[in-house]
Amino acid sequence: MHIKSNSSNGKIEGMNSKLRGFTKRAFGFKTLKNLKITIFIALGKLNLTPA
């Protein structure tokens, strides 16, 4: 891919690695919804500071 488009897949691989870590710890979540919320908070770059 790098030769044709002169880009790297490093960002995607990094995110994939983080997602695999979440799914390995997923045994602690009671529902898939809770896992999804955790992923969105960690990877979504949400600003959670009070207004």
N, C-alpha and C. Protein backbone atom coordinates (compact mmCIF):
# COMPACT_ATOMS: atom_id res chain seq x y z
N MET A 1 0.82 -1.18 0.00
CA MET A 1 0.00 0.00 0.00
C MET A 1 0.87 1.26 0.00
N HIS A 2 1.97 1.21 0.69
CA HIS A 2 2.83 2.38 0.81
C HIS A 2 3.38 2.82 -0.54
N ILE A 3 3.70 1.88 -1.38
CA ILE A 3 4.31 2.22 -2.67
C ILE A 3 3.32 2.97 -3.56
N LYS A 4 2.06 2.55 -3.59
CA LYS A 4 1.07 3.19 -4.46
C LYS A 4 0.57 4.52 -3.92
N SER A 5 0.29 4.59 -2.63
CA SER A 5 -0.36 5.80 -2.10
C SER A 5 0.55 6.63 -1.19
N ASN A 6 1.76 6.15 -0.92
CA ASN A 6 2.71 6.85 -0.08
C ASN A 6 2.12 7.13 1.32
N SER A 7 1.36 6.16 1.85
CA SER A 7 0.80 6.32 3.19
C SER A 7 1.06 5.04 3.99
N SER A 8 0.89 5.17 5.28
CA SER A 8 1.14 4.05 6.19
C SER A 8 -0.16 3.63 6.86
N ASN A 9 -0.24 2.40 7.27
CA ASN A 9 -1.41 1.92 7.99
C ASN A 9 -1.16 1.89 9.49
N GLY A 10 -0.21 2.66 9.97
CA GLY A 10 0.16 2.67 11.38
C GLY A 10 -0.97 3.09 12.30
N LYS A 11 -1.75 4.10 11.91
CA LYS A 11 -2.86 4.55 12.75
C LYS A 11 -3.92 3.47 12.89
N ILE A 12 -4.23 2.80 11.79
CA ILE A 12 -5.23 1.73 11.82
C ILE A 12 -4.74 0.58 12.67
N GLU A 13 -3.48 0.21 12.54
CA GLU A 13 -2.92 -0.88 13.34
C GLU A 13 -2.92 -0.53 14.82
N GLY A 14 -2.63 0.73 15.15
CA GLY A 14 -2.65 1.15 16.54
C GLY A 14 -4.05 1.05 17.14
N MET A 15 -5.06 1.50 16.38
CA MET A 15 -6.44 1.42 16.85
C MET A 15 -6.87 -0.04 16.97
N ASN A 16 -6.46 -0.88 16.03
CA ASN A 16 -6.79 -2.30 16.08
C ASN A 16 -6.19 -2.94 17.32
N SER A 17 -4.99 -2.56 17.68
CA SER A 17 -4.34 -3.10 18.87
C SER A 17 -5.10 -2.71 20.14
N LYS A 18 -5.55 -1.44 20.20
CA LYS A 18 -6.33 -1.00 21.35
C LYS A 18 -7.65 -1.75 21.44
N LEU A 19 -8.31 -1.95 20.30
CA LEU A 19 -9.58 -2.67 20.30
C LEU A 19 -9.41 -4.11 20.76
N ARG A 20 -8.31 -4.75 20.33
CA ARG A 20 -8.06 -6.12 20.80
C ARG A 20 -7.85 -6.16 22.31
N GLY A 21 -7.22 -5.14 22.85
CA GLY A 21 -7.04 -5.08 24.30
C GLY A 21 -8.37 -4.96 25.02
N PHE A 22 -9.29 -4.15 24.48
CA PHE A 22 -10.61 -4.02 25.08
C PHE A 22 -11.38 -5.34 25.03
N THR A 23 -11.31 -6.02 23.91
CA THR A 23 -12.07 -7.27 23.80
C THR A 23 -11.47 -8.36 24.69
N LYS A 24 -10.17 -8.31 24.96
CA LYS A 24 -9.58 -9.28 25.88
C LYS A 24 -10.09 -9.06 27.31
N ARG A 25 -10.35 -7.79 27.64
CA ARG A 25 -10.87 -7.48 28.97
C ARG A 25 -12.39 -7.49 29.02
N ALA A 26 -13.03 -7.86 27.93
CA ALA A 26 -14.49 -7.76 27.81
C ALA A 26 -15.23 -8.71 28.74
N PHE A 27 -14.55 -9.68 29.32
CA PHE A 27 -15.23 -10.61 30.22
C PHE A 27 -15.83 -9.88 31.41
N GLY A 28 -15.35 -8.70 31.73
CA GLY A 28 -15.87 -7.94 32.85
C GLY A 28 -17.14 -7.17 32.53
N PHE A 29 -17.48 -7.05 31.26
CA PHE A 29 -18.68 -6.32 30.87
C PHE A 29 -19.87 -7.25 30.81
N LYS A 30 -20.99 -6.79 31.34
CA LYS A 30 -22.19 -7.62 31.35
C LYS A 30 -22.89 -7.63 30.00
N THR A 31 -22.77 -6.54 29.24
CA THR A 31 -23.43 -6.47 27.93
C THR A 31 -22.47 -5.91 26.90
N LEU A 32 -22.80 -6.16 25.64
CA LEU A 32 -22.01 -5.62 24.54
C LEU A 32 -22.11 -4.10 24.51
N LYS A 33 -23.24 -3.56 24.95
CA LYS A 33 -23.44 -2.12 24.98
C LYS A 33 -22.37 -1.45 25.85
N ASN A 34 -22.07 -2.02 26.99
CA ASN A 34 -21.06 -1.46 27.89
C ASN A 34 -19.67 -1.47 27.24
N LEU A 35 -19.36 -2.52 26.50
CA LEU A 35 -18.08 -2.58 25.79
C LEU A 35 -18.02 -1.49 24.73
N LYS A 36 -19.12 -1.29 23.99
CA LYS A 36 -19.16 -0.26 22.96
C LYS A 36 -18.97 1.13 23.57
N ILE A 37 -19.59 1.40 24.69
CA ILE A 37 -19.45 2.70 25.35
C ILE A 37 -17.99 2.93 25.75
N THR A 38 -17.36 1.91 26.29
CA THR A 38 -15.96 2.03 26.70
C THR A 38 -15.06 2.33 25.50
N ILE A 39 -15.32 1.67 24.38
CA ILE A 39 -14.53 1.90 23.17
C ILE A 39 -14.72 3.32 22.66
N PHE A 40 -15.97 3.80 22.64
CA PHE A 40 -16.23 5.16 22.17
C PHE A 40 -15.56 6.19 23.06
N ILE A 41 -15.56 5.97 24.36
CA ILE A 41 -14.91 6.91 25.27
C ILE A 41 -13.40 6.91 25.06
N ALA A 42 -12.81 5.73 24.89
CA ALA A 42 -11.36 5.64 24.76
C ALA A 42 -10.86 6.11 23.40
N LEU A 43 -11.56 5.78 22.33
CA LEU A 43 -11.07 6.07 20.99
C LEU A 43 -11.77 7.24 20.32
N GLY A 44 -12.86 7.72 20.90
CA GLY A 44 -13.63 8.76 20.27
C GLY A 44 -13.12 10.16 20.53
N LYS A 45 -12.12 10.32 21.39
CA LYS A 45 -11.54 11.62 21.74
C LYS A 45 -12.64 12.57 22.20
N LEU A 46 -13.48 12.07 23.09
CA LEU A 46 -14.56 12.89 23.63
C LEU A 46 -14.03 13.83 24.70
N ASN A 47 -14.57 15.02 24.75
CA ASN A 47 -14.22 15.98 25.79
C ASN A 47 -15.22 15.80 26.93
N LEU A 48 -14.80 15.19 28.02
CA LEU A 48 -15.69 14.86 29.11
C LEU A 48 -15.55 15.80 30.30
N THR A 49 -14.89 16.92 30.10
CA THR A 49 -14.73 17.88 31.20
C THR A 49 -16.04 18.64 31.39
N PRO A 50 -16.40 18.96 32.63
CA PRO A 50 -17.64 19.70 32.88
C PRO A 50 -17.59 21.09 32.25
N ALA A 51 -18.75 21.56 31.84
CA ALA A 51 -18.84 22.88 31.19
C ALA A 51 -18.64 24.00 32.18
